[in-house]
Amino acid sequence: MMKYFAKLGLNSKVISFDHVGENNAPTEQDGINYLNKLHSYPFWKEFKKDGSIRKNRPQLGMIYDEDKDAFYFKDNDTGRASSVFNEETLRWEHPIPHPDDHKVYYWDEEIQNWVLGVIKED
């Protein structure tokens, strides 16, 4: 079984990822020590692919917030000015939840709502 780690750069920004066999990482600190020895780099945080720890699965550009023990995008990552930061999930969300009917929708910033259909290319 593998354990996954995010490499943290300046301001705790996620800059890459690595994985370690469980035999080399029975604890998070053991995994960090192993990666530090392997890469001569000390700043790593363990995560699970399903996001079950640290709120969200990390992505490049996210930050790791030690106080919240979570990965999240500090700045709006949706590309939509209307998006708001959800303090509970630590995710940027549209002001109206995405419809949950398994149809394809796109967010129309002009009308501030979801529109049924295919995303239009500008």
PDB file of N, CA and C in Angstrom:
ATOM      1  N   MET A   1       0.848  -1.186   0.000  1.00  0.00           N
ATOM      2  CA  MET A   1       0.000   0.000   0.000  1.00  0.00           C
ATOM      3  C   MET A   1       0.888   1.243   0.000  1.00  0.00           C
ATOM      4  N   MET A   2       0.475   2.247  -0.732  1.00  0.00           N
ATOM      5  CA  MET A   2       1.242   3.484  -0.846  1.00  0.00           C
ATOM      6  C   MET A   2       0.664   4.571   0.054  1.00  0.00           C
ATOM      7  N   LYS A   3       1.540   5.442   0.491  1.00  0.00           N
ATOM      8  CA  LYS A   3       1.142   6.654   1.196  1.00  0.00           C
ATOM      9  C   LYS A   3       1.583   7.812   0.317  1.00  0.00           C
ATOM     10  N   TYR A   4       0.762   8.853   0.268  1.00  0.00           N
ATOM     11  CA  TYR A   4       0.981   9.962  -0.647  1.00  0.00           C
ATOM     12  C   TYR A   4       1.338  11.220   0.128  1.00  0.00           C
ATOM     13  N   PHE A   5       2.258  12.001  -0.458  1.00  0.00           N
ATOM     14  CA  PHE A   5       2.757  13.206   0.196  1.00  0.00           C
ATOM     15  C   PHE A   5       2.792  14.362  -0.794  1.00  0.00           C
ATOM     16  N   ALA A   6       2.440  15.538  -0.296  1.00  0.00           N
ATOM     17  CA  ALA A   6       2.549  16.774  -1.072  1.00  0.00           C
ATOM     18  C   ALA A   6       3.826  17.481  -0.635  1.00  0.00           C
ATOM     19  N   LYS A   7       4.587  17.933  -1.602  1.00  0.00           N
ATOM     20  CA  LYS A   7       5.804  18.702  -1.324  1.00  0.00           C
ATOM     21  C   LYS A   7       5.398  20.163  -1.230  1.00  0.00           C
ATOM     22  N   LEU A   8       5.813  20.823  -0.149  1.00  0.00           N
ATOM     23  CA  LEU A   8       5.417  22.201   0.100  1.00  0.00           C
ATOM     24  C   LEU A   8       6.575  23.153  -0.145  1.00  0.00           C
ATOM     25  N   GLY A   9       6.299  24.211  -0.914  1.00  0.00           N
ATOM     26  CA  GLY A   9       7.299  25.232  -1.197  1.00  0.00           C
ATOM     27  C   GLY A   9       7.076  26.458  -0.346  1.00  0.00           C
ATOM     28  N   LEU A  10       7.456  27.609  -0.875  1.00  0.00           N
ATOM     29  CA  LEU A  10       7.278  28.871  -0.168  1.00  0.00           C
ATOM     30  C   LEU A  10       5.816  29.079   0.207  1.00  0.00           C
ATOM     31  N   ASN A  11       5.594  29.634   1.380  1.00  0.00           N
ATOM     32  CA  ASN A  11       4.237  29.903   1.877  1.00  0.00           C
ATOM     33  C   ASN A  11       3.367  28.656   1.892  1.00  0.00           C
ATOM     34  N   SER A  12       4.005  27.493   2.060  1.00  0.00           N
ATOM     35  CA  SER A  12       3.299  26.203   2.141  1.00  0.00           C
ATOM     36  C   SER A  12       2.483  25.877   0.900  1.00  0.00           C
ATOM     37  N   LYS A  13       2.921  26.367  -0.250  1.00  0.00           N
ATOM     38  CA  LYS A  13       2.238  26.074  -1.512  1.00  0.00           C
ATOM     39  C   LYS A  13       2.641  24.693  -2.011  1.00  0.00           C
ATOM     40  N   VAL A  14       1.673  23.920  -2.487  1.00  0.00           N
ATOM     41  CA  VAL A  14       1.928  22.586  -3.024  1.00  0.00           C
ATOM     42  C   VAL A  14       2.648  22.724  -4.363  1.00  0.00           C
ATOM     43  N   ILE A  15       3.846  22.097  -4.434  1.00  0.00           N
ATOM     44  CA  ILE A  15       4.651  22.233  -5.652  1.00  0.00           C
ATOM     45  C   ILE A  15       4.886  20.907  -6.373  1.00  0.00           C
ATOM     46  N   SER A  16       4.662  19.778  -5.690  1.00  0.00           N
ATOM     47  CA  SER A  16       4.756  18.477  -6.356  1.00  0.00           C
ATOM     48  C   SER A  16       4.260  17.399  -5.397  1.00  0.00           C
ATOM     49  N   PHE A  17       4.351  16.148  -5.860  1.00  0.00           N
ATOM     50  CA  PHE A  17       3.835  15.018  -5.083  1.00  0.00           C
ATOM     51  C   PHE A  17       4.808  13.858  -5.153  1.00  0.00           C
ATOM     52  N   ASP A  18       4.723  12.991  -4.164  1.00  0.00           N
ATOM     53  CA  ASP A  18       5.509  11.763  -4.177  1.00  0.00           C
ATOM     54  C   ASP A  18       4.736  10.715  -3.387  1.00  0.00           C
ATOM     55  N   HIS A  19       5.149   9.483  -3.508  1.00  0.00           N
ATOM     56  CA  HIS A  19       4.524   8.414  -2.737  1.00  0.00           C
ATOM     57  C   HIS A  19       5.601   7.523  -2.140  1.00  0.00           C
ATOM     58  N   VAL A  20       5.227   6.879  -1.042  1.00  0.00           N
ATOM     59  CA  VAL A  20       6.162   6.062  -0.280  1.00  0.00           C
ATOM     60  C   VAL A  20       5.441   4.781   0.104  1.00  0.00           C
ATOM     61  N   GLY A  21       6.142   3.666   0.025  1.00  0.00           N
ATOM     62  CA  GLY A  21       5.564   2.410   0.492  1.00  0.00           C
ATOM     63  C   GLY A  21       5.304   2.463   1.990  1.00  0.00           C
ATOM     64  N   GLU A  22       4.251   1.806   2.401  1.00  0.00           N
ATOM     65  CA  GLU A  22       3.859   1.843   3.811  1.00  0.00           C
ATOM     66  C   GLU A  22       4.968   1.331   4.731  1.00  0.00           C
ATOM     67  N   ASN A  23       5.795   0.406   4.245  1.00  0.00           N
ATOM     68  CA  ASN A  23       6.900  -0.096   5.070  1.00  0.00           C
ATOM     69  C   ASN A  23       7.925   1.000   5.381  1.00  0.00           C
ATOM     70  N   ASN A  24       8.033   2.029   4.528  1.00  0.00           N
ATOM     71  CA  ASN A  24       8.936   3.160   4.774  1.00  0.00           C
ATOM     72  C   ASN A  24       8.216   4.331   5.442  1.00  0.00           C
ATOM     73  N   ALA A  25       6.906   4.200   5.611  1.00  0.00           N
ATOM     74  CA  ALA A  25       6.137   5.307   6.184  1.00  0.00           C
ATOM     75  C   ALA A  25       5.010   4.793   7.076  1.00  0.00           C
ATOM     76  N   PRO A  26       5.345   4.036   8.140  1.00  0.00           N
ATOM     77  CA  PRO A  26       4.266   3.592   9.027  1.00  0.00           C
ATOM     78  C   PRO A  26       3.559   4.763   9.706  1.00  0.00           C
ATOM     79  N   THR A  27       4.264   5.885   9.866  1.00  0.00           N
ATOM     80  CA  THR A  27       3.648   7.118  10.371  1.00  0.00           C
ATOM     81  C   THR A  27       3.941   8.233   9.370  1.00  0.00           C
ATOM     82  N   GLU A  28       3.228   9.323   9.482  1.00  0.00           N
ATOM     83  CA  GLU A  28       3.488  10.465   8.602  1.00  0.00           C
ATOM     84  C   GLU A  28       4.920  10.955   8.776  1.00  0.00           C
ATOM     85  N   GLN A  29       5.366  11.067  10.015  1.00  0.00           N
ATOM     86  CA  GLN A  29       6.717  11.567  10.256  1.00  0.00           C
ATOM     87  C   GLN A  29       7.772  10.637   9.659  1.00  0.00           C
ATOM     88  N   ASP A  30       7.550   9.339   9.729  1.00  0.00           N
ATOM     89  CA  ASP A  30       8.481   8.398   9.089  1.00  0.00           C
ATOM     90  C   ASP A  30       8.537   8.640   7.586  1.00  0.00           C
ATOM     91  N   GLY A  31       7.377   8.892   6.964  1.00  0.00           N
ATOM     92  CA  GLY A  31       7.337   9.189   5.533  1.00  0.00           C
ATOM     93  C   GLY A  31       8.063  10.481   5.204  1.00  0.00           C
ATOM     94  N   ILE A  32       7.873  11.501   6.026  1.00  0.00           N
ATOM     95  CA  ILE A  32       8.573  12.779   5.821  1.00  0.00           C
ATOM     96  C   ILE A  32      10.076  12.573   5.953  1.00  0.00           C
ATOM     97  N   ASN A  33      10.491  11.824   6.966  1.00  0.00           N
ATOM     98  CA  ASN A  33      11.920  11.557   7.157  1.00  0.00           C
ATOM     99  C   ASN A  33      12.507  10.796   5.959  1.00  0.00           C
ATOM    100  N   TYR A  34      11.761   9.832   5.449  1.00  0.00           N
ATOM    101  CA  TYR A  34      12.203   9.053   4.293  1.00  0.00           C
ATOM    102  C   TYR A  34      12.365   9.960   3.064  1.00  0.00           C
ATOM    103  N   LEU A  35      11.354  10.801   2.806  1.00  0.00           N
ATOM    104  CA  LEU A  35      11.413  11.701   1.646  1.00  0.00           C
ATOM    105  C   LEU A  35      12.516  12.740   1.810  1.00  0.00           C
ATOM    106  N   ASN A  36      12.704  13.220   3.024  1.00  0.00           N
ATOM    107  CA  ASN A  36      13.775  14.186   3.286  1.00  0.00           C
ATOM    108  C   ASN A  36      15.132  13.559   2.963  1.00  0.00           C
ATOM    109  N   LYS A  37      15.320  12.322   3.392  1.00  0.00           N
ATOM    110  CA  LYS A  37      16.581  11.621   3.121  1.00  0.00           C
ATOM    111  C   LYS A  37      16.751  11.377   1.611  1.00  0.00           C
ATOM    112  N   LEU A  38      15.657  10.989   0.950  1.00  0.00           N
ATOM    113  CA  LEU A  38      15.683  10.689  -0.481  1.00  0.00           C
ATOM    114  C   LEU A  38      15.931  11.926  -1.338  1.00  0.00           C
ATOM    115  N   HIS A  39      15.254  13.055  -0.994  1.00  0.00           N
ATOM    116  CA  HIS A  39      15.292  14.261  -1.836  1.00  0.00           C
ATOM    117  C   HIS A  39      16.057  15.428  -1.220  1.00  0.00           C
ATOM    118  N   SER A  40      16.530  15.266   0.010  1.00  0.00           N
ATOM    119  CA  SER A  40      17.173  16.375   0.734  1.00  0.00           C
ATOM    120  C   SER A  40      16.247  17.585   0.802  1.00  0.00           C
ATOM    121  N   TYR A  41      14.992  17.303   1.103  1.00  0.00           N
ATOM    122  CA  TYR A  41      13.981  18.361   1.191  1.00  0.00           C
ATOM    123  C   TYR A  41      13.019  17.999   2.325  1.00  0.00           C
ATOM    124  N   PRO A  42      12.828  18.903   3.303  1.00  0.00           N
ATOM    125  CA  PRO A  42      12.112  18.529   4.522  1.00  0.00           C
ATOM    126  C   PRO A  42      10.610  18.806   4.578  1.00  0.00           C
ATOM    127  N   PHE A  43      10.046  19.543   3.639  1.00  0.00           N
ATOM    128  CA  PHE A  43       8.674  20.019   3.808  1.00  0.00           C
ATOM    129  C   PHE A  43       7.662  19.198   3.008  1.00  0.00           C
ATOM    130  N   TRP A  44       7.019  18.266   3.677  1.00  0.00           N
ATOM    131  CA  TRP A  44       6.057  17.345   3.080  1.00  0.00           C
ATOM    132  C   TRP A  44       4.853  17.210   3.996  1.00  0.00           C
ATOM    133  N   LYS A  45       3.688  16.923   3.420  1.00  0.00           N
ATOM    134  CA  LYS A  45       2.477  16.628   4.190  1.00  0.00           C
ATOM    135  C   LYS A  45       1.781  15.450   3.548  1.00  0.00           C
ATOM    136  N   GLU A  46       1.382  14.504   4.370  1.00  0.00           N
ATOM    137  CA  GLU A  46       0.676  13.330   3.873  1.00  0.00           C
ATOM    138  C   GLU A  46      -0.751  13.714   3.480  1.00  0.00           C
ATOM    139  N   PHE A  47      -1.283  13.019   2.484  1.00  0.00           N
ATOM    140  CA  PHE A  47      -2.685  13.192   2.100  1.00  0.00           C
ATOM    141  C   PHE A  47      -3.224  11.859   1.621  1.00  0.00           C
ATOM    142  N   LYS A  48      -4.522  11.787   1.528  1.00  0.00           N
ATOM    143  CA  LYS A  48      -5.177  10.612   0.961  1.00  0.00           C
ATOM    144  C   LYS A  48      -5.826  11.035  -0.348  1.00  0.00           C
ATOM    145  N   LYS A  49      -5.782  10.146  -1.336  1.00  0.00           N
ATOM    146  CA  LYS A  49      -6.326  10.463  -2.656  1.00  0.00           C
ATOM    147  C   LYS A  49      -7.806  10.829  -2.608  1.00  0.00           C
ATOM    148  N   ASP A  50      -8.536  10.262  -1.644  1.00  0.00           N
ATOM    149  CA  ASP A  50      -9.972  10.551  -1.570  1.00  0.00           C
ATOM    150  C   ASP A  50     -10.288  11.824  -0.784  1.00  0.00           C
ATOM    151  N   GLY A  51      -9.265  12.541  -0.316  1.00  0.00           N
ATOM    152  CA  GLY A  51      -9.485  13.782   0.418  1.00  0.00           C
ATOM    153  C   GLY A  51     -10.024  13.573   1.820  1.00  0.00           C
ATOM    154  N   SER A  52      -9.943  12.346   2.337  1.00  0.00           N
ATOM    155  CA  SER A  52     -10.539  12.048   3.636  1.00  0.00           C
ATOM    156  C   SER A  52      -9.774  12.633   4.823  1.00  0.00           C
ATOM    157  N   ILE A  53      -8.552  13.081   4.580  1.00  0.00           N
ATOM    158  CA  ILE A  53      -7.841  13.841   5.605  1.00  0.00           C
ATOM    159  C   ILE A  53      -7.436  15.171   5.001  1.00  0.00           C
ATOM    160  N   ARG A  54      -7.318  16.160   5.818  1.00  0.00           N
ATOM    161  CA  ARG A  54      -6.886  17.498   5.417  1.00  0.00           C
ATOM    162  C   ARG A  54      -7.857  18.151   4.433  1.00  0.00           C
ATOM    163  N   LYS A  55      -9.141  17.870   4.601  1.00  0.00           N
ATOM    164  CA  LYS A  55     -10.275  18.498   3.896  1.00  0.00           C
ATOM    165  C   LYS A  55     -10.351  18.210   2.402  1.00  0.00           C
ATOM    166  N   ASN A  56      -9.243  18.375   1.685  1.00  0.00           N
ATOM    167  CA  ASN A  56      -9.257  18.252   0.228  1.00  0.00           C
ATOM    168  C   ASN A  56      -8.014  17.515  -0.250  1.00  0.00           C
ATOM    169  N   ARG A  57      -8.171  16.810  -1.366  1.00  0.00           N
ATOM    170  CA  ARG A  57      -6.990  16.233  -2.019  1.00  0.00           C
ATOM    171  C   ARG A  57      -6.187  17.401  -2.597  1.00  0.00           C
ATOM    172  N   PRO A  58      -4.891  17.475  -2.288  1.00  0.00           N
ATOM    173  CA  PRO A  58      -4.128  18.632  -2.773  1.00  0.00           C
ATOM    174  C   PRO A  58      -3.953  18.638  -4.285  1.00  0.00           C
ATOM    175  N   GLN A  59      -3.838  19.842  -4.813  1.00  0.00           N
ATOM    176  CA  GLN A  59      -3.533  20.062  -6.220  1.00  0.00           C
ATOM    177  C   GLN A  59      -2.399  21.077  -6.279  1.00  0.00           C
ATOM    178  N   LEU A  60      -1.673  21.087  -7.381  1.00  0.00           N
ATOM    179  CA  LEU A  60      -0.613  22.083  -7.543  1.00  0.00           C
ATOM    180  C   LEU A  60      -1.196  23.470  -7.359  1.00  0.00           C
ATOM    181  N   GLY A  61      -0.510  24.293  -6.600  1.00  0.00           N
ATOM    182  CA  GLY A  61      -0.961  25.661  -6.368  1.00  0.00           C
ATOM    183  C   GLY A  61      -1.788  25.849  -5.114  1.00  0.00           C
ATOM    184  N   MET A  62      -2.313  24.762  -4.558  1.00  0.00           N
ATOM    185  CA  MET A  62      -3.026  24.875  -3.287  1.00  0.00           C
ATOM    186  C   MET A  62      -2.010  25.210  -2.194  1.00  0.00           C
ATOM    187  N   ILE A  63      -2.517  25.636  -1.047  1.00  0.00           N
ATOM    188  CA  ILE A  63      -1.653  25.821   0.107  1.00  0.00           C
ATOM    189  C   ILE A  63      -2.036  24.799   1.166  1.00  0.00           C
ATOM    190  N   TYR A  64      -1.094  24.532   2.053  1.00  0.00           N
ATOM    191  CA  TYR A  64      -1.393  23.742   3.237  1.00  0.00           C
ATOM    192  C   TYR A  64      -1.442  24.715   4.404  1.00  0.00           C
ATOM    193  N   ASP A  65      -2.568  24.767   5.090  1.00  0.00           N
ATOM    194  CA  ASP A  65      -2.773  25.640   6.238  1.00  0.00           C
ATOM    195  C   ASP A  65      -2.644  24.795   7.498  1.00  0.00           C
ATOM    196  N   GLU A  66      -1.585  25.031   8.252  1.00  0.00           N
ATOM    197  CA  GLU A  66      -1.317  24.230   9.446  1.00  0.00           C
ATOM    198  C   GLU A  66      -2.399  24.419  10.507  1.00  0.00           C
ATOM    199  N   ASP A  67      -2.893  25.645  10.670  1.00  0.00           N
ATOM    200  CA  ASP A  67      -3.933  25.898  11.676  1.00  0.00           C
ATOM    201  C   ASP A  67      -5.218  25.142  11.368  1.00  0.00           C
ATOM    202  N   LYS A  68      -5.564  25.047  10.095  1.00  0.00           N
ATOM    203  CA  LYS A  68      -6.775  24.333   9.685  1.00  0.00           C
ATOM    204  C   LYS A  68      -6.494  22.866   9.367  1.00  0.00           C
ATOM    205  N   ASP A  69      -5.211  22.507   9.312  1.00  0.00           N
ATOM    206  CA  ASP A  69      -4.762  21.176   8.911  1.00  0.00           C
ATOM    207  C   ASP A  69      -5.470  20.762   7.618  1.00  0.00           C
ATOM    208  N   ALA A  70      -5.343  21.634   6.606  1.00  0.00           N
ATOM    209  CA  ALA A  70      -6.096  21.426   5.372  1.00  0.00           C
ATOM    210  C   ALA A  70      -5.350  21.996   4.165  1.00  0.00           C
ATOM    211  N   PHE A  71      -5.639  21.380   3.011  1.00  0.00           N
ATOM    212  CA  PHE A  71      -5.190  21.889   1.717  1.00  0.00           C
ATOM    213  C   PHE A  71      -6.355  22.641   1.082  1.00  0.00           C
ATOM    214  N   TYR A  72      -6.069  23.809   0.498  1.00  0.00           N
ATOM    215  CA  TYR A  72      -7.110  24.536  -0.235  1.00  0.00           C
ATOM    216  C   TYR A  72      -6.470  25.619  -1.096  1.00  0.00           C
ATOM    217  N   PHE A  73      -7.242  26.106  -2.056  1.00  0.00           N
ATOM    218  CA  PHE A  73      -6.792  27.235  -2.866  1.00  0.00           C
ATOM    219  C   PHE A  73      -7.077  28.504  -2.089  1.00  0.00           C
ATOM    220  N   LYS A  74      -6.051  29.282  -1.853  1.00  0.00           N
ATOM    221  CA  LYS A  74      -6.209  30.538  -1.117  1.00  0.00           C
ATOM    222  C   LYS A  74      -6.972  31.560  -1.964  1.00  0.00           C
ATOM    223  N   ASP A  75      -6.688  31.563  -3.260  1.00  0.00           N
ATOM    224  CA  ASP A  75      -7.354  32.496  -4.173  1.00  0.00           C
ATOM    225  C   ASP A  75      -8.394  31.754  -4.983  1.00  0.00           C
ATOM    226  N   ASN A  76      -9.355  32.473  -5.497  1.00  0.00           N
ATOM    227  CA  ASN A  76     -10.445  31.915  -6.290  1.00  0.00           C
ATOM    228  C   ASN A  76      -9.890  31.108  -7.463  1.00  0.00           C
ATOM    229  N   ASP A  77     -10.178  29.821  -7.475  1.00  0.00           N
ATOM    230  CA  ASP A  77      -9.675  28.951  -8.541  1.00  0.00           C
ATOM    231  C   ASP A  77     -10.728  28.635  -9.594  1.00  0.00           C
ATOM    232  N   THR A  78     -11.926  29.210  -9.472  1.00  0.00           N
ATOM    233  CA  THR A  78     -12.988  28.879 -10.423  1.00  0.00           C
ATOM    234  C   THR A  78     -12.947  29.745 -11.669  1.00  0.00           C
ATOM    235  N   GLY A  79     -12.253  30.875 -11.588  1.00  0.00           N
ATOM    236  CA  GLY A  79     -12.227  31.787 -12.722  1.00  0.00           C
ATOM    237  C   GLY A  79     -13.501  32.610 -12.832  1.00  0.00           C
ATOM    238  N   ARG A  80     -14.335  32.543 -11.827  1.00  0.00           N
ATOM    239  CA  ARG A  80     -15.603  33.271 -11.829  1.00  0.00           C
ATOM    240  C   ARG A  80     -15.628  34.253 -10.666  1.00  0.00           C
ATOM    241  N   ALA A  81     -15.881  35.510 -10.961  1.00  0.00           N
ATOM    242  CA  ALA A  81     -15.874  36.541  -9.925  1.00  0.00           C
ATOM    243  C   ALA A  81     -16.943  36.308  -8.861  1.00  0.00           C
ATOM    244  N   SER A  82     -18.009  35.634  -9.229  1.00  0.00           N
ATOM    245  CA  SER A  82     -19.123  35.443  -8.292  1.00  0.00           C
ATOM    246  C   SER A  82     -18.865  34.338  -7.268  1.00  0.00           C
ATOM    247  N   SER A  83     -17.823  33.542  -7.443  1.00  0.00           N
ATOM    248  CA  SER A  83     -17.556  32.438  -6.529  1.00  0.00           C
ATOM    249  C   SER A  83     -17.246  32.951  -5.126  1.00  0.00           C
ATOM    250  N   VAL A  84     -17.689  32.180  -4.143  1.00  0.00           N
ATOM    251  CA  VAL A  84     -17.462  32.531  -2.745  1.00  0.00           C
ATOM    252  C   VAL A  84     -16.746  31.381  -2.045  1.00  0.00           C
ATOM    253  N   PHE A  85     -15.958  31.731  -1.036  1.00  0.00           N
ATOM    254  CA  PHE A  85     -15.185  30.727  -0.311  1.00  0.00           C
ATOM    255  C   PHE A  85     -16.034  30.120   0.793  1.00  0.00           C
ATOM    256  N   ASN A  86     -16.174  28.807   0.784  1.00  0.00           N
ATOM    257  CA  ASN A  86     -16.935  28.085   1.797  1.00  0.00           C
ATOM    258  C   ASN A  86     -15.969  27.739   2.932  1.00  0.00           C
ATOM    259  N   GLU A  87     -16.151  28.369   4.083  1.00  0.00           N
ATOM    260  CA  GLU A  87     -15.242  28.169   5.224  1.00  0.00           C
ATOM    261  C   GLU A  87     -15.330  26.756   5.801  1.00  0.00           C
ATOM    262  N   GLU A  88     -16.426  26.068   5.558  1.00  0.00           N
ATOM    263  CA  GLU A  88     -16.574  24.707   6.084  1.00  0.00           C
ATOM    264  C   GLU A  88     -15.821  23.686   5.232  1.00  0.00           C
ATOM    265  N   THR A  89     -16.016  23.756   3.911  1.00  0.00           N
ATOM    266  CA  THR A  89     -15.366  22.798   3.017  1.00  0.00           C
ATOM    267  C   THR A  89     -13.995  23.271   2.544  1.00  0.00           C
ATOM    268  N   LEU A  90     -13.726  24.572   2.727  1.00  0.00           N
ATOM    269  CA  LEU A  90     -12.497  25.211   2.247  1.00  0.00           C
ATOM    270  C   LEU A  90     -12.374  25.087   0.731  1.00  0.00           C
ATOM    271  N   ARG A  91     -13.487  25.325   0.057  1.00  0.00           N
ATOM    272  CA  ARG A  91     -13.530  25.299  -1.415  1.00  0.00           C
ATOM    273  C   ARG A  91     -14.234  26.552  -1.927  1.00  0.00           C
ATOM    274  N   TRP A  92     -13.837  26.947  -3.131  1.00  0.00           N
ATOM    275  CA  TRP A  92     -14.518  28.051  -3.813  1.00  0.00           C
ATOM    276  C   TRP A  92     -15.742  27.479  -4.517  1.00  0.00           C
ATOM    277  N   GLU A  93     -16.884  28.108  -4.322  1.00  0.00           N
ATOM    278  CA  GLU A  93     -18.135  27.595  -4.883  1.00  0.00           C
ATOM    279  C   GLU A  93     -18.926  28.710  -5.550  1.00  0.00           C
ATOM    280  N   HIS A  94     -19.730  28.306  -6.506  1.00  0.00           N
ATOM    281  CA  HIS A  94     -20.653  29.259  -7.115  1.00  0.00           C
ATOM    282  C   HIS A  94     -21.735  29.586  -6.088  1.00  0.00           C
ATOM    283  N   PRO A  95     -22.347  30.751  -6.181  1.00  0.00           N
ATOM    284  CA  PRO A  95     -23.341  31.142  -5.180  1.00  0.00           C
ATOM    285  C   PRO A  95     -24.608  30.281  -5.186  1.00  0.00           C
ATOM    286  N   ILE A  96     -24.828  29.549  -6.251  1.00  0.00           N
ATOM    287  CA  ILE A  96     -25.977  28.637  -6.355  1.00  0.00           C
ATOM    288  C   ILE A  96     -25.414  27.236  -6.578  1.00  0.00           C
ATOM    289  N   PRO A  97     -25.818  26.249  -5.776  1.00  0.00           N
ATOM    290  CA  PRO A  97     -25.284  24.893  -5.948  1.00  0.00           C
ATOM    291  C   PRO A  97     -25.564  24.325  -7.337  1.00  0.00           C
ATOM    292  N   HIS A  98     -24.645  23.505  -7.814  1.00  0.00           N
ATOM    293  CA  HIS A  98     -24.787  22.835  -9.106  1.00  0.00           C
ATOM    294  C   HIS A  98     -25.988  21.892  -9.029  1.00  0.00           C
ATOM    295  N   PRO A  99     -26.864  21.897 -10.037  1.00  0.00           N
ATOM    296  CA  PRO A  99     -27.997  20.962 -10.037  1.00  0.00           C
ATOM    297  C   PRO A  99     -27.518  19.517  -9.935  1.00  0.00           C
ATOM    298  N   ASP A 100     -28.256  18.705  -9.207  1.00  0.00           N
ATOM    299  CA  ASP A 100     -27.848  17.326  -8.948  1.00  0.00           C
ATOM    300  C   ASP A 100     -28.745  16.346  -9.697  1.00  0.00           C
ATOM    301  N   ASP A 101     -28.894  16.554 -11.008  1.00  0.00           N
ATOM    302  CA  ASP A 101     -29.767  15.677 -11.799  1.00  0.00           C
ATOM    303  C   ASP A 101     -29.005  14.940 -12.899  1.00  0.00           C
ATOM    304  N   HIS A 102     -27.671  14.942 -12.824  1.00  0.00           N
ATOM    305  CA  HIS A 102     -26.804  14.217 -13.751  1.00  0.00           C
ATOM    306  C   HIS A 102     -26.865  14.722 -15.185  1.00  0.00           C
ATOM    307  N   LYS A 103     -27.308  15.950 -15.363  1.00  0.00           N
ATOM    308  CA  LYS A 103     -27.277  16.578 -16.688  1.00  0.00           C
ATOM    309  C   LYS A 103     -26.056  17.492 -16.750  1.00  0.00           C
ATOM    310  N   VAL A 104     -25.707  17.928 -17.953  1.00  0.00           N
ATOM    311  CA  VAL A 104     -24.549  18.791 -18.146  1.00  0.00           C
ATOM    312  C   VAL A 104     -24.983  20.250 -18.050  1.00  0.00           C
ATOM    313  N   TYR A 105     -24.319  20.978 -17.147  1.00  0.00           N
ATOM    314  CA  TYR A 105     -24.588  22.403 -16.962  1.00  0.00           C
ATOM    315  C   TYR A 105     -23.282  23.171 -17.043  1.00  0.00           C
ATOM    316  N   TYR A 106     -23.389  24.439 -17.367  1.00  0.00           N
ATOM    317  CA  TYR A 106     -22.248  25.339 -17.238  1.00  0.00           C
ATOM    318  C   TYR A 106     -22.721  26.576 -16.502  1.00  0.00           C
ATOM    319  N   TRP A 107     -21.779  27.215 -15.822  1.00  0.00           N
ATOM    320  CA  TRP A 107     -22.097  28.408 -15.049  1.00  0.00           C
ATOM    321  C   TRP A 107     -22.053  29.614 -15.971  1.00  0.00           C
ATOM    322  N   ASP A 108     -23.133  30.387 -16.010  1.00  0.00           N
ATOM    323  CA  ASP A 108     -23.196  31.609 -16.801  1.00  0.00           C
ATOM    324  C   ASP A 108     -23.016  32.781 -15.845  1.00  0.00           C
ATOM    325  N   GLU A 109     -21.868  33.400 -15.906  1.00  0.00           N
ATOM    326  CA  GLU A 109     -21.531  34.494 -14.996  1.00  0.00           C
ATOM    327  C   GLU A 109     -22.450  35.697 -15.192  1.00  0.00           C
ATOM    328  N   GLU A 110     -22.882  35.907 -16.421  1.00  0.00           N
ATOM    329  CA  GLU A 110     -23.725  37.066 -16.711  1.00  0.00           C
ATOM    330  C   GLU A 110     -25.080  36.988 -16.002  1.00  0.00           C
ATOM    331  N   ILE A 111     -25.699  35.816 -16.010  1.00  0.00           N
ATOM    332  CA  ILE A 111     -27.013  35.689 -15.352  1.00  0.00           C
ATOM    333  C   ILE A 111     -26.896  35.102 -13.944  1.00  0.00           C
ATOM    334  N   GLN A 112     -25.673  34.750 -13.553  1.00  0.00           N
ATOM    335  CA  GLN A 112     -25.399  34.218 -12.215  1.00  0.00           C
ATOM    336  C   GLN A 112     -26.216  32.961 -11.906  1.00  0.00           C
ATOM    337  N   ASN A 113     -26.180  32.020 -12.868  1.00  0.00           N
ATOM    338  CA  ASN A 113     -26.926  30.789 -12.660  1.00  0.00           C
ATOM    339  C   ASN A 113     -26.376  29.699 -13.581  1.00  0.00           C
ATOM    340  N   TRP A 114     -26.792  28.467 -13.290  1.00  0.00           N
ATOM    341  CA  TRP A 114     -26.422  27.318 -14.119  1.00  0.00           C
ATOM    342  C   TRP A 114     -27.320  27.251 -15.341  1.00  0.00           C
ATOM    343  N   VAL A 115     -26.741  26.897 -16.482  1.00  0.00           N
ATOM    344  CA  VAL A 115     -27.491  26.795 -17.727  1.00  0.00           C
ATOM    345  C   VAL A 115     -27.284  25.381 -18.278  1.00  0.00           C
ATOM    346  N   LEU A 116     -28.372  24.760 -18.643  1.00  0.00           N
ATOM    347  CA  LEU A 116     -28.316  23.413 -19.212  1.00  0.00           C
ATOM    348  C   LEU A 116     -27.699  23.470 -20.593  1.00  0.00           C
ATOM    349  N   GLY A 117     -26.761  22.569 -20.859  1.00  0.00           N
ATOM    350  CA  GLY A 117     -26.158  22.539 -22.192  1.00  0.00           C
ATOM    351  C   GLY A 117     -24.687  22.256 -22.139  1.00  0.00           C
ATOM    352  N   VAL A 118     -24.002  22.585 -23.213  1.00  0.00           N
ATOM    353  CA  VAL A 118     -22.583  22.334 -23.393  1.00  0.00           C
ATOM    354  C   VAL A 118     -21.844  23.642 -23.209  1.00  0.00           C
ATOM    355  N   ILE A 119     -20.673  23.580 -22.642  1.00  0.00           N
ATOM    356  CA  ILE A 119     -19.859  24.775 -22.448  1.00  0.00           C
ATOM    357  C   ILE A 119     -19.483  25.355 -23.805  1.00  0.00           C
ATOM    358  N   LYS A 120     -19.695  26.644 -23.954  1.00  0.00           N
ATOM    359  CA  LYS A 120     -19.396  27.324 -25.209  1.00  0.00           C
ATOM    360  C   LYS A 120     -17.957  27.795 -25.209  1.00  0.00           C
ATOM    361  N   GLU A 121     -17.286  27.653 -26.325  1.00  0.00           N
ATOM    362  CA  GLU A 121     -15.928  28.175 -26.490  1.00  0.00           C
ATOM    363  C   GLU A 121     -16.035  29.602 -26.989  1.00  0.00           C
ATOM    364  N   ASP A 122     -15.261  30.497 -26.364  1.00  0.00           N
ATOM    365  CA  ASP A 122     -15.270  31.911 -26.806  1.00  0.00           C
ATOM    366  C   ASP A 122     -14.389  32.131 -27.998  1.00  0.00           C
TER     367      ASP A 122
END
